[in-house]
N, C-alpha and C. Protein backbone atom coordinates (compact mmCIF):
# COMPACT_ATOMS: atom_id res chain seq x y z
N MET A 1 19.04 9.13 -3.90
CA MET A 1 18.82 9.89 -4.97
C MET A 1 17.39 9.82 -5.29
N ALA A 2 16.80 10.92 -5.86
CA ALA A 2 15.45 10.66 -6.10
C ALA A 2 15.22 10.12 -7.59
N ASN A 3 14.25 9.35 -7.50
CA ASN A 3 13.88 8.51 -8.95
C ASN A 3 12.97 9.42 -9.71
N PRO A 4 13.22 9.83 -10.87
CA PRO A 4 12.46 10.70 -11.64
C PRO A 4 11.22 9.94 -12.11
N ARG A 5 11.43 8.66 -12.10
CA ARG A 5 10.27 7.86 -12.80
C ARG A 5 9.14 7.59 -11.68
N ALA A 6 9.56 7.98 -10.34
CA ALA A 6 8.57 7.54 -9.17
C ALA A 6 7.39 8.73 -9.12
N TYR A 7 6.33 8.22 -8.99
CA TYR A 7 5.22 9.02 -8.91
C TYR A 7 4.40 8.78 -7.58
N PRO A 8 3.60 9.80 -7.11
CA PRO A 8 2.59 9.72 -5.84
C PRO A 8 1.59 8.96 -6.71
N PRO A 9 0.92 8.03 -5.91
CA PRO A 9 -0.14 7.11 -6.46
C PRO A 9 -1.31 7.72 -7.35
N LYS A 10 -1.67 8.94 -6.80
CA LYS A 10 -2.78 9.71 -7.72
C LYS A 10 -2.20 9.95 -9.00
N LEU A 11 -0.89 10.56 -9.18
CA LEU A 11 -0.22 10.81 -10.55
C LEU A 11 -0.15 9.42 -11.32
N PHE A 12 0.41 8.47 -10.61
CA PHE A 12 0.67 6.98 -11.29
C PHE A 12 -0.67 6.73 -11.93
N LEU A 13 -1.76 6.74 -11.05
CA LEU A 13 -3.16 6.30 -11.60
C LEU A 13 -3.55 7.05 -12.83
N LYS A 14 -3.37 8.43 -12.92
CA LYS A 14 -3.53 9.24 -13.87
C LYS A 14 -2.90 8.76 -15.22
N LYS A 15 -1.54 8.64 -15.04
CA LYS A 15 -0.73 8.29 -16.24
C LYS A 15 -1.00 6.84 -16.76
N TRP A 16 -1.37 6.06 -15.75
CA TRP A 16 -1.70 4.70 -16.30
C TRP A 16 -2.91 4.66 -16.95
N GLU A 17 -3.97 5.32 -16.47
CA GLU A 17 -5.22 5.45 -17.32
C GLU A 17 -5.13 6.20 -18.61
N GLU A 18 -4.16 7.22 -18.87
CA GLU A 18 -3.83 7.73 -20.15
C GLU A 18 -3.12 6.81 -21.06
N PHE A 19 -2.40 5.91 -20.49
CA PHE A 19 -1.72 5.04 -21.36
C PHE A 19 -2.52 4.01 -21.60
N SER A 20 -3.31 3.33 -20.82
CA SER A 20 -4.07 2.18 -21.03
C SER A 20 -5.51 2.24 -21.56
N GLY A 21 -6.03 3.40 -21.15
CA GLY A 21 -7.41 3.75 -21.59
C GLY A 21 -8.25 2.97 -20.39
N PRO A 22 -9.80 2.86 -20.55
CA PRO A 22 -10.55 2.48 -19.58
C PRO A 22 -10.25 1.03 -19.17
N LEU A 23 -10.32 0.79 -17.93
CA LEU A 23 -9.90 -0.63 -17.49
C LEU A 23 -11.21 -1.25 -16.95
N PRO A 24 -11.35 -2.48 -16.87
CA PRO A 24 -12.47 -3.11 -16.24
C PRO A 24 -12.49 -2.91 -14.83
N ASP A 25 -13.54 -2.51 -14.15
CA ASP A 25 -13.64 -1.83 -12.81
C ASP A 25 -14.62 -2.50 -12.16
N GLY A 26 -14.75 -2.17 -10.69
CA GLY A 26 -15.80 -2.94 -9.88
C GLY A 26 -16.75 -1.79 -9.81
N PRO A 27 -17.84 -1.98 -8.91
CA PRO A 27 -18.09 -3.21 -8.07
C PRO A 27 -18.27 -4.55 -9.16
N PHE A 28 -17.94 -5.83 -8.62
CA PHE A 28 -18.14 -6.90 -9.36
C PHE A 28 -19.36 -7.79 -8.93
N ALA A 29 -19.88 -8.43 -9.73
CA ALA A 29 -21.12 -9.17 -9.34
C ALA A 29 -20.64 -10.69 -8.73
N ASN A 30 -19.52 -11.04 -9.05
CA ASN A 30 -19.23 -12.36 -8.54
C ASN A 30 -17.73 -12.30 -8.67
N ASP A 31 -17.13 -13.61 -8.14
CA ASP A 31 -15.57 -13.85 -8.06
C ASP A 31 -15.00 -13.84 -9.37
N LEU A 32 -15.83 -14.52 -10.44
CA LEU A 32 -15.40 -14.69 -11.79
C LEU A 32 -15.15 -13.27 -12.55
N GLU A 33 -16.18 -12.29 -12.30
CA GLU A 33 -15.86 -10.96 -12.75
C GLU A 33 -14.51 -10.46 -12.18
N LEU A 34 -14.34 -10.53 -10.87
CA LEU A 34 -13.25 -9.88 -10.16
C LEU A 34 -11.90 -10.41 -10.70
N VAL A 35 -11.89 -11.91 -10.95
CA VAL A 35 -10.58 -12.60 -11.41
C VAL A 35 -10.30 -12.13 -12.86
N ASN A 36 -11.40 -12.04 -13.71
CA ASN A 36 -11.28 -11.48 -15.17
C ASN A 36 -10.73 -9.99 -15.19
N ALA A 37 -11.27 -9.18 -14.16
CA ALA A 37 -10.64 -7.80 -14.08
C ALA A 37 -9.34 -7.73 -13.74
N ARG A 38 -9.03 -8.51 -12.75
CA ARG A 38 -7.67 -8.65 -12.35
C ARG A 38 -6.59 -8.96 -13.49
N ILE A 39 -6.94 -9.92 -14.04
CA ILE A 39 -6.12 -10.64 -15.16
C ILE A 39 -5.84 -9.30 -16.26
N ALA A 40 -7.05 -8.84 -16.66
CA ALA A 40 -7.00 -7.59 -17.66
C ALA A 40 -6.16 -6.56 -17.20
N GLN A 41 -6.25 -6.01 -15.84
CA GLN A 41 -5.60 -5.22 -15.19
C GLN A 41 -3.99 -5.50 -15.24
N GLU A 42 -3.69 -6.70 -15.06
CA GLU A 42 -2.49 -7.15 -14.80
C GLU A 42 -1.66 -7.04 -16.10
N ASP A 43 -2.54 -7.40 -17.14
CA ASP A 43 -1.92 -7.41 -18.57
C ASP A 43 -1.67 -5.81 -18.91
N ALA A 44 -2.64 -5.06 -18.38
CA ALA A 44 -2.23 -3.63 -18.67
C ALA A 44 -1.16 -2.93 -17.95
N LEU A 45 -0.93 -3.37 -16.83
CA LEU A 45 0.34 -3.02 -15.95
C LEU A 45 1.48 -3.49 -16.82
N LYS A 46 1.44 -4.86 -17.31
CA LYS A 46 2.60 -5.18 -17.82
C LYS A 46 3.02 -4.36 -19.01
N ASP A 47 2.00 -4.24 -19.86
CA ASP A 47 2.32 -3.02 -20.80
C ASP A 47 2.75 -1.76 -20.35
N PHE A 48 2.35 -1.17 -19.43
CA PHE A 48 2.68 0.08 -18.78
C PHE A 48 3.97 0.18 -18.27
N ALA A 49 4.45 -1.27 -17.82
CA ALA A 49 5.89 -1.06 -17.35
C ALA A 49 6.77 -0.64 -18.50
N GLN A 50 6.48 -0.75 -19.70
CA GLN A 50 7.45 -0.18 -20.53
C GLN A 50 7.65 1.35 -20.25
N GLN A 51 6.71 2.07 -19.81
CA GLN A 51 6.63 3.53 -19.55
C GLN A 51 7.37 3.70 -18.10
N GLN A 52 6.84 2.70 -17.17
CA GLN A 52 7.18 2.81 -15.67
C GLN A 52 7.89 1.62 -15.24
N PRO A 53 9.16 1.25 -15.72
CA PRO A 53 9.82 0.14 -15.39
C PRO A 53 10.54 0.16 -14.06
N PHE A 54 10.59 -0.99 -13.47
CA PHE A 54 11.50 -1.38 -12.26
C PHE A 54 12.34 -2.31 -12.64
N PRO A 55 13.80 -2.13 -13.23
CA PRO A 55 14.62 -3.21 -13.87
C PRO A 55 14.66 -4.50 -12.77
N PRO A 56 14.86 -5.40 -13.53
CA PRO A 56 15.00 -6.81 -12.91
C PRO A 56 16.23 -6.74 -11.86
N GLU A 57 17.45 -6.21 -12.40
CA GLU A 57 18.63 -6.02 -11.62
C GLU A 57 18.52 -5.20 -10.47
N GLU A 58 17.58 -4.23 -10.52
CA GLU A 58 17.32 -3.43 -9.34
C GLU A 58 16.51 -4.24 -8.35
N LEU A 59 15.43 -5.02 -8.78
CA LEU A 59 14.73 -5.99 -8.03
C LEU A 59 15.52 -7.06 -7.32
N ALA A 60 16.58 -7.53 -7.95
CA ALA A 60 17.34 -8.53 -7.32
C ALA A 60 18.23 -7.83 -6.40
N LYS A 61 18.63 -6.53 -6.43
CA LYS A 61 19.53 -5.85 -5.42
C LYS A 61 18.74 -5.48 -4.28
N LEU A 62 17.49 -5.28 -4.51
CA LEU A 62 16.66 -4.95 -3.34
C LEU A 62 16.42 -6.08 -2.44
N ARG A 63 16.22 -7.51 -3.13
CA ARG A 63 15.96 -8.63 -2.36
C ARG A 63 17.11 -9.14 -1.68
N GLN A 64 18.18 -8.51 -1.96
CA GLN A 64 19.49 -9.02 -1.25
C GLN A 64 19.43 -8.43 0.38
N GLN A 65 18.63 -7.50 0.40
CA GLN A 65 18.45 -6.74 1.55
C GLN A 65 17.64 -7.53 2.62
N ARG A 66 17.66 -7.27 3.92
CA ARG A 66 16.91 -7.86 5.03
C ARG A 66 15.45 -7.50 4.81
N ALA A 67 14.71 -8.51 4.66
CA ALA A 67 13.09 -8.42 4.25
C ALA A 67 12.25 -8.81 5.32
N SER A 68 11.08 -8.27 5.46
CA SER A 68 9.99 -8.93 6.31
C SER A 68 8.75 -8.55 5.43
N GLY A 69 7.43 -8.77 6.23
CA GLY A 69 6.40 -8.37 5.49
C GLY A 69 5.48 -9.68 5.73
N GLY A 70 4.10 -9.30 5.24
CA GLY A 70 3.12 -10.12 5.37
C GLY A 70 2.76 -10.97 4.14
N GLN A 71 1.46 -11.57 4.01
CA GLN A 71 1.03 -12.07 2.75
C GLN A 71 1.07 -11.30 1.68
N GLU A 72 0.92 -9.99 1.55
CA GLU A 72 0.67 -9.25 0.49
C GLU A 72 1.91 -8.47 0.00
N HIS A 73 2.89 -8.35 0.74
CA HIS A 73 4.07 -7.75 0.19
C HIS A 73 5.53 -8.11 0.83
N GLU A 74 6.61 -7.79 0.10
CA GLU A 74 7.74 -7.95 0.61
C GLU A 74 8.20 -6.57 1.24
N VAL A 75 8.89 -6.48 2.52
CA VAL A 75 8.98 -4.93 2.99
C VAL A 75 10.70 -5.06 3.22
N PHE A 76 11.06 -3.86 2.89
CA PHE A 76 12.63 -3.63 3.24
C PHE A 76 12.83 -2.34 3.73
N VAL A 77 13.13 -2.65 5.06
CA VAL A 77 13.56 -1.58 6.12
C VAL A 77 15.02 -1.03 5.92
N PRO A 78 15.31 0.05 5.98
CA PRO A 78 16.71 0.58 6.14
C PRO A 78 17.30 -0.08 7.47
N LEU A 79 18.60 -0.55 7.36
CA LEU A 79 19.19 -1.20 8.63
C LEU A 79 19.45 0.04 9.48
N LYS A 80 19.81 1.17 9.10
CA LYS A 80 20.12 2.34 9.89
C LYS A 80 19.09 3.46 9.54
N GLY A 81 17.83 3.28 9.94
CA GLY A 81 16.95 4.23 9.52
C GLY A 81 17.15 5.66 10.16
N ARG A 82 16.82 6.55 9.39
CA ARG A 82 17.06 8.06 10.01
C ARG A 82 16.26 8.85 9.18
N ARG A 83 16.06 10.11 9.54
CA ARG A 83 15.20 11.18 8.90
C ARG A 83 15.61 11.15 7.23
N GLY A 84 14.58 10.85 6.72
CA GLY A 84 14.69 11.02 5.10
C GLY A 84 14.82 9.53 4.60
N SER A 85 14.82 8.62 5.42
CA SER A 85 15.08 7.12 4.76
C SER A 85 13.71 6.68 4.33
N ARG A 86 13.58 5.77 3.43
CA ARG A 86 12.50 5.19 2.58
C ARG A 86 12.41 3.74 2.89
N VAL A 87 11.21 3.40 3.34
CA VAL A 87 10.86 1.87 3.36
C VAL A 87 10.45 1.37 1.91
N TRP A 88 11.08 0.29 1.41
CA TRP A 88 10.63 -0.39 0.05
C TRP A 88 9.49 -1.34 0.38
N LYS A 89 8.54 -1.44 -0.58
CA LYS A 89 7.72 -2.48 -0.58
C LYS A 89 7.48 -3.18 -1.93
N VAL A 90 7.32 -4.45 -2.14
CA VAL A 90 7.19 -5.00 -3.26
C VAL A 90 5.91 -5.94 -3.21
N THR A 91 4.68 -5.80 -3.98
CA THR A 91 3.83 -6.56 -3.97
C THR A 91 4.06 -7.95 -4.36
N ARG A 92 3.40 -8.96 -3.78
CA ARG A 92 3.87 -10.37 -3.97
C ARG A 92 3.12 -10.78 -5.26
N PRO A 93 3.64 -11.57 -5.94
CA PRO A 93 2.97 -12.06 -7.16
C PRO A 93 1.66 -12.58 -6.80
N ASP A 94 0.50 -12.24 -7.57
CA ASP A 94 -1.03 -12.53 -7.62
C ASP A 94 -1.42 -12.01 -6.23
N ARG A 95 -1.03 -10.94 -5.46
CA ARG A 95 -1.62 -10.42 -4.44
C ARG A 95 -1.71 -8.94 -4.43
N TRP A 96 -2.83 -8.42 -4.12
CA TRP A 96 -3.06 -6.92 -4.45
C TRP A 96 -3.71 -6.62 -3.09
N GLY A 97 -2.81 -6.66 -2.00
CA GLY A 97 -3.28 -6.35 -0.59
C GLY A 97 -3.89 -7.51 0.09
N LEU A 98 -4.12 -7.29 1.32
CA LEU A 98 -4.63 -8.28 2.21
C LEU A 98 -6.04 -8.68 1.91
N ILE A 99 -6.86 -7.71 1.41
CA ILE A 99 -8.20 -7.86 0.93
C ILE A 99 -8.25 -8.17 -0.65
N ARG A 100 -8.99 -9.09 -0.93
CA ARG A 100 -9.01 -9.42 -2.53
C ARG A 100 -9.24 -8.33 -3.23
N ALA A 101 -8.39 -8.08 -4.19
CA ALA A 101 -8.77 -6.85 -5.07
C ALA A 101 -8.06 -6.89 -6.26
N THR A 102 -7.97 -5.79 -7.09
CA THR A 102 -7.48 -5.85 -8.42
C THR A 102 -6.27 -4.77 -8.25
N PRO A 103 -5.42 -4.81 -9.33
CA PRO A 103 -4.16 -3.87 -9.19
C PRO A 103 -4.68 -2.37 -9.19
N LEU A 104 -5.91 -1.96 -9.71
CA LEU A 104 -6.49 -0.71 -9.75
C LEU A 104 -6.81 -0.23 -8.26
N GLU A 105 -7.56 -1.09 -7.80
CA GLU A 105 -8.01 -0.80 -6.25
C GLU A 105 -6.92 -0.85 -5.56
N TYR A 106 -5.90 -1.82 -5.60
CA TYR A 106 -4.64 -1.46 -4.69
C TYR A 106 -3.99 -0.09 -4.83
N ALA A 107 -3.80 0.27 -6.13
CA ALA A 107 -3.21 1.62 -6.36
C ALA A 107 -4.09 2.65 -5.74
N ARG A 108 -5.52 2.53 -5.70
CA ARG A 108 -6.40 3.50 -4.95
C ARG A 108 -6.24 3.60 -3.45
N ARG A 109 -6.04 2.32 -3.06
CA ARG A 109 -5.73 2.43 -1.68
C ARG A 109 -4.37 3.12 -1.34
N LEU A 110 -3.31 2.75 -2.03
CA LEU A 110 -2.16 3.52 -1.95
C LEU A 110 -2.31 4.92 -1.85
N ASP A 111 -3.25 5.51 -2.83
CA ASP A 111 -3.54 6.78 -2.81
C ASP A 111 -4.17 7.34 -1.62
N ARG A 112 -5.16 6.70 -1.12
CA ARG A 112 -5.81 6.88 0.18
C ARG A 112 -5.03 6.82 1.17
N PHE A 113 -4.10 5.87 1.36
CA PHE A 113 -3.01 5.92 2.58
C PHE A 113 -2.10 6.97 2.45
N ASP A 114 -1.72 7.55 1.25
CA ASP A 114 -0.84 8.58 1.06
C ASP A 114 -1.41 9.93 1.56
N GLN A 115 -2.79 10.05 1.16
CA GLN A 115 -3.45 11.14 1.82
C GLN A 115 -3.76 11.23 3.16
N LEU A 116 -3.97 10.23 3.80
CA LEU A 116 -4.66 10.01 5.20
C LEU A 116 -3.58 9.92 6.26
N SER A 117 -2.55 8.98 5.90
CA SER A 117 -1.64 8.48 6.77
C SER A 117 -0.53 9.46 7.30
N GLY A 118 -0.24 10.59 6.70
CA GLY A 118 0.65 11.48 7.03
C GLY A 118 2.30 11.03 6.60
N THR A 119 2.16 9.95 5.99
CA THR A 119 3.48 9.64 5.43
C THR A 119 3.48 9.66 3.78
N HIS A 120 4.66 9.88 3.08
CA HIS A 120 4.67 10.21 1.74
C HIS A 120 4.86 8.96 1.01
N VAL A 121 3.99 8.45 0.08
CA VAL A 121 4.23 7.29 -0.67
C VAL A 121 4.53 7.61 -2.16
N LEU A 122 5.40 6.83 -2.58
CA LEU A 122 5.74 6.79 -4.05
C LEU A 122 5.60 5.54 -4.65
N ILE A 123 5.18 5.50 -5.95
CA ILE A 123 5.27 4.17 -6.70
C ILE A 123 6.50 4.25 -7.47
N GLU A 124 7.61 3.40 -7.23
CA GLU A 124 8.75 3.63 -7.89
C GLU A 124 8.83 3.04 -9.42
N GLY A 125 7.99 1.87 -9.65
CA GLY A 125 7.86 1.55 -10.94
C GLY A 125 7.13 0.03 -10.72
N ILE A 126 7.23 -0.46 -11.99
CA ILE A 126 6.57 -1.80 -12.08
C ILE A 126 7.69 -2.78 -12.46
N ALA A 127 7.79 -3.91 -11.56
CA ALA A 127 8.67 -4.91 -12.00
C ALA A 127 7.92 -6.17 -12.56
N ILE A 128 8.69 -6.96 -13.23
CA ILE A 128 8.00 -8.26 -13.82
C ILE A 128 8.65 -9.39 -13.13
N ASP A 129 7.81 -10.26 -12.69
CA ASP A 129 8.35 -11.49 -11.90
C ASP A 129 7.47 -12.55 -12.03
N GLN A 130 8.00 -13.72 -12.58
CA GLN A 130 7.11 -14.87 -12.88
C GLN A 130 5.99 -14.41 -13.73
N ASN A 131 6.27 -13.57 -14.75
CA ASN A 131 5.34 -13.01 -15.84
C ASN A 131 4.22 -12.21 -15.17
N LEU A 132 4.34 -11.85 -13.76
CA LEU A 132 3.20 -11.00 -13.36
C LEU A 132 3.82 -9.64 -12.97
N PRO A 133 3.16 -8.64 -12.96
CA PRO A 133 3.49 -7.25 -12.65
C PRO A 133 3.46 -7.17 -11.21
N LEU A 134 4.54 -6.44 -10.43
CA LEU A 134 4.75 -6.05 -9.10
C LEU A 134 4.91 -4.52 -9.02
N LEU A 135 3.99 -3.91 -8.17
CA LEU A 135 4.22 -2.72 -8.03
C LEU A 135 5.37 -2.51 -6.89
N VAL A 136 6.29 -1.55 -7.21
CA VAL A 136 7.33 -1.36 -6.17
C VAL A 136 7.20 0.01 -5.54
N THR A 137 6.97 0.09 -4.36
CA THR A 137 6.63 1.41 -3.54
C THR A 137 7.47 1.83 -2.55
N THR A 138 7.86 3.01 -2.32
CA THR A 138 8.56 3.39 -1.16
C THR A 138 7.49 4.44 -0.31
N MET A 139 7.82 4.40 1.11
CA MET A 139 7.18 5.31 1.99
C MET A 139 8.32 5.78 2.99
N ASP A 140 7.78 7.08 3.71
CA ASP A 140 8.66 7.29 4.60
C ASP A 140 8.89 6.51 5.71
N PHE A 141 10.21 6.36 6.19
CA PHE A 141 10.61 5.53 7.29
C PHE A 141 10.24 6.44 8.54
N ILE A 142 9.51 5.98 9.67
CA ILE A 142 9.08 6.46 10.77
C ILE A 142 9.74 5.80 11.82
N LEU A 143 10.58 6.61 12.63
CA LEU A 143 11.43 6.17 13.76
C LEU A 143 10.55 6.06 14.98
N GLY A 144 10.48 4.99 15.75
CA GLY A 144 9.68 4.66 16.83
C GLY A 144 9.45 3.32 17.12
N ASP A 145 8.64 3.00 18.03
CA ASP A 145 8.19 1.58 18.28
C ASP A 145 6.79 1.25 17.96
N HIS A 146 6.34 0.05 17.94
CA HIS A 146 5.27 -0.41 17.79
C HIS A 146 4.47 -0.22 19.23
N PRO A 147 3.20 0.38 19.16
CA PRO A 147 2.61 0.65 20.32
C PRO A 147 1.63 -0.56 20.72
N GLU A 148 1.34 -0.67 21.95
CA GLU A 148 0.38 -1.75 22.34
C GLU A 148 -0.94 -1.41 21.85
N GLY A 149 -1.71 -2.52 21.86
CA GLY A 149 -3.32 -2.25 21.11
C GLY A 149 -4.17 -1.35 21.82
N GLN A 150 -4.15 -1.27 23.20
CA GLN A 150 -4.68 -0.38 24.04
C GLN A 150 -4.20 0.90 23.91
N THR A 151 -3.20 1.15 23.72
CA THR A 151 -2.75 2.74 23.32
C THR A 151 -3.26 3.05 22.07
N ILE A 152 -3.16 2.12 20.93
CA ILE A 152 -3.75 2.49 19.71
C ILE A 152 -5.38 2.77 19.82
N HIS A 153 -6.07 1.97 20.55
CA HIS A 153 -7.52 2.13 20.77
C HIS A 153 -7.69 3.43 21.41
N ASN A 154 -7.09 3.89 22.45
CA ASN A 154 -7.33 4.94 23.26
C ASN A 154 -6.92 6.16 22.39
N ARG A 155 -5.96 6.23 21.76
CA ARG A 155 -5.48 7.34 20.78
C ARG A 155 -6.44 7.62 19.58
N LEU A 156 -6.99 6.43 18.98
CA LEU A 156 -7.93 6.62 17.92
C LEU A 156 -9.24 7.05 18.40
N LEU A 157 -9.78 6.61 19.63
CA LEU A 157 -10.84 6.97 20.07
C LEU A 157 -10.91 8.64 20.26
N ALA A 158 -9.78 9.00 20.90
CA ALA A 158 -9.58 10.45 21.02
C ALA A 158 -9.67 11.28 19.72
N GLU A 159 -9.10 10.62 18.89
CA GLU A 159 -9.04 11.31 17.39
C GLU A 159 -10.23 11.17 16.58
N GLY A 160 -11.40 10.73 17.20
CA GLY A 160 -12.84 10.75 16.46
C GLY A 160 -12.97 9.32 15.71
N TRP A 161 -12.35 8.34 16.08
CA TRP A 161 -12.66 7.10 15.49
C TRP A 161 -13.41 6.08 16.43
N GLU A 162 -14.21 5.26 15.90
CA GLU A 162 -14.95 4.26 16.85
C GLU A 162 -14.71 2.97 16.24
N THR A 163 -14.79 1.96 17.17
CA THR A 163 -14.62 0.62 16.66
C THR A 163 -15.76 0.30 15.55
N ALA A 164 -15.52 -0.59 14.55
CA ALA A 164 -16.39 -0.92 13.54
C ALA A 164 -16.28 -2.44 13.32
N PRO A 165 -17.59 -3.07 12.94
CA PRO A 165 -17.49 -4.40 12.65
C PRO A 165 -16.55 -4.62 11.35
N ASP A 166 -16.02 -5.85 11.30
CA ASP A 166 -15.19 -5.99 9.86
C ASP A 166 -15.73 -7.52 9.66
N PRO A 167 -15.93 -7.82 8.08
CA PRO A 167 -16.31 -8.78 7.57
C PRO A 167 -15.21 -9.98 7.69
N ASP A 168 -14.04 -9.76 7.68
CA ASP A 168 -12.95 -10.47 7.91
C ASP A 168 -12.33 -10.65 9.15
N GLY A 169 -12.92 -10.07 10.01
CA GLY A 169 -12.46 -10.27 11.65
C GLY A 169 -11.38 -9.46 12.00
N MET A 170 -10.76 -8.47 10.92
CA MET A 170 -9.72 -7.67 11.42
C MET A 170 -10.11 -6.34 12.34
N MET A 171 -9.16 -5.84 12.91
CA MET A 171 -9.46 -4.64 14.00
C MET A 171 -9.72 -3.60 13.07
N SER A 172 -10.84 -3.16 13.10
CA SER A 172 -11.21 -1.95 12.08
C SER A 172 -11.93 -0.64 12.91
N TYR A 173 -11.73 0.49 12.48
CA TYR A 173 -12.35 1.71 12.95
C TYR A 173 -12.90 2.42 11.86
N ARG A 174 -14.03 3.21 12.32
CA ARG A 174 -14.68 4.03 11.42
C ARG A 174 -14.68 5.53 11.99
N HIS A 175 -14.42 6.61 11.12
CA HIS A 175 -14.23 8.02 11.61
C HIS A 175 -15.69 8.44 11.77
N LYS A 176 -15.99 9.14 12.87
CA LYS A 176 -17.19 9.41 12.97
C LYS A 176 -17.64 10.57 12.19
N ILE A 177 -16.85 11.44 11.67
CA ILE A 177 -17.21 12.58 10.78
C ILE A 177 -17.24 12.14 9.26
N ASP A 178 -16.02 11.77 8.86
CA ASP A 178 -15.86 11.63 7.38
C ASP A 178 -16.39 10.13 7.06
N ARG A 179 -16.53 9.23 8.13
CA ARG A 179 -16.88 7.84 7.78
C ARG A 179 -15.80 7.06 7.17
N THR A 180 -14.68 7.41 7.10
CA THR A 180 -13.56 6.76 6.53
C THR A 180 -13.41 5.40 7.17
N LEU A 181 -13.32 4.16 6.67
CA LEU A 181 -13.08 2.94 7.29
C LEU A 181 -11.59 2.58 7.51
N MET A 182 -10.95 2.27 8.82
CA MET A 182 -9.54 1.91 8.69
C MET A 182 -9.62 0.69 9.19
N ARG A 183 -8.93 -0.24 8.39
CA ARG A 183 -8.96 -1.76 8.68
C ARG A 183 -7.56 -2.25 8.92
N ASP A 184 -7.52 -3.38 9.47
CA ASP A 184 -6.20 -3.98 9.75
C ASP A 184 -5.37 -2.98 10.64
N ALA A 185 -6.03 -2.56 11.63
CA ALA A 185 -5.32 -1.53 12.71
C ALA A 185 -4.77 -2.37 13.83
N HIS A 186 -3.73 -3.21 13.63
CA HIS A 186 -3.10 -4.10 14.70
C HIS A 186 -1.83 -3.31 15.06
N PRO A 187 -1.16 -3.50 16.07
CA PRO A 187 0.02 -2.84 16.46
C PRO A 187 1.13 -2.90 15.53
N LYS A 188 1.42 -3.92 14.96
CA LYS A 188 2.48 -3.76 13.86
C LYS A 188 2.29 -2.87 12.78
N ASN A 189 1.03 -2.38 12.59
CA ASN A 189 0.68 -1.57 11.55
C ASN A 189 0.66 0.04 11.97
N PHE A 190 1.24 0.14 13.07
CA PHE A 190 1.53 1.59 13.70
C PHE A 190 2.85 1.77 14.36
N ILE A 191 3.12 3.04 14.30
CA ILE A 191 4.47 3.35 15.05
C ILE A 191 4.22 4.57 15.97
N LEU A 192 4.64 4.65 17.18
CA LEU A 192 4.65 5.46 18.01
C LEU A 192 5.84 6.25 18.19
N THR A 193 6.01 7.55 17.75
CA THR A 193 7.22 8.32 17.67
C THR A 193 7.48 8.73 19.11
N ALA A 194 8.85 9.11 19.40
CA ALA A 194 9.40 9.41 20.60
C ALA A 194 8.50 10.98 21.10
N GLY A 195 7.97 11.61 20.06
CA GLY A 195 7.44 12.80 20.44
C GLY A 195 5.94 12.62 20.52
N GLY A 196 5.54 11.09 20.73
CA GLY A 196 4.19 10.83 20.96
C GLY A 196 3.09 10.82 19.68
N LEU A 197 3.85 10.88 18.60
CA LEU A 197 2.71 10.67 17.33
C LEU A 197 2.51 9.35 16.95
N LEU A 198 1.39 9.07 16.86
CA LEU A 198 0.72 7.75 16.21
C LEU A 198 0.69 7.65 14.80
N VAL A 199 1.57 6.91 14.20
CA VAL A 199 1.52 7.05 12.84
C VAL A 199 1.18 5.78 12.28
N PRO A 200 0.16 5.64 11.41
CA PRO A 200 -0.06 4.28 10.46
C PRO A 200 0.93 4.22 9.69
N ILE A 201 1.22 2.87 9.40
CA ILE A 201 2.21 2.68 8.53
C ILE A 201 1.70 1.62 7.40
N ASP A 202 0.90 0.88 7.64
CA ASP A 202 0.20 -0.33 6.75
C ASP A 202 -1.13 -0.64 6.92
N VAL A 203 -1.96 0.38 7.45
CA VAL A 203 -3.50 -0.01 7.72
C VAL A 203 -4.11 0.34 6.30
N ILE A 204 -5.16 -0.15 6.25
CA ILE A 204 -6.23 0.13 5.05
C ILE A 204 -7.15 1.06 5.14
N PHE A 205 -7.31 1.91 4.45
CA PHE A 205 -8.10 3.16 4.47
C PHE A 205 -9.22 2.81 3.24
N MET A 206 -10.32 2.83 3.50
CA MET A 206 -11.46 2.66 2.47
C MET A 206 -12.55 3.79 2.86
N PRO A 207 -13.44 4.13 1.78
CA PRO A 207 -14.35 4.92 1.85
C PRO A 207 -15.58 4.47 2.82
């Protein structure tokens, strides 16, 4: 059943800004500025959770399912995924993506991913865990397999991407025309469908 409180990232960002007012934002001159901004934004998210709550009992129920995921989030994949199924993700406490960021930048990345990946992302609400706000999100379940790295490389080159240097050593590509940077482009972050469509499911798109 559709959640009436779930919003696409762009609309979530708009409503959060309307509720909280201007938030401390980057670019940041040093790590201290980034940390202070992250704390201020987390406090604002906890306040905004009054409007966009994800109830503790729902979070507990979600965590009873089979989970996977990396450093940045818990991932809950439907056992019998089919067309229309959703993958649930919960940000880990004190983590806002694989790259150090603030909640605001993380939500912006979700928006870019929603626009560029071909999958439909929703922010289902804000959960509170260990006195920290967690964004609970869903995205389309894509049926298929993780392709080999060479397959990803060949397909991306054919689609106008080129390999790009990455400061953190991740596999990255930059689009030749719009100059979008795609980071963390490893096989587990793509699905190759039976129809031959290469779908990114967890890469990082940056300007």
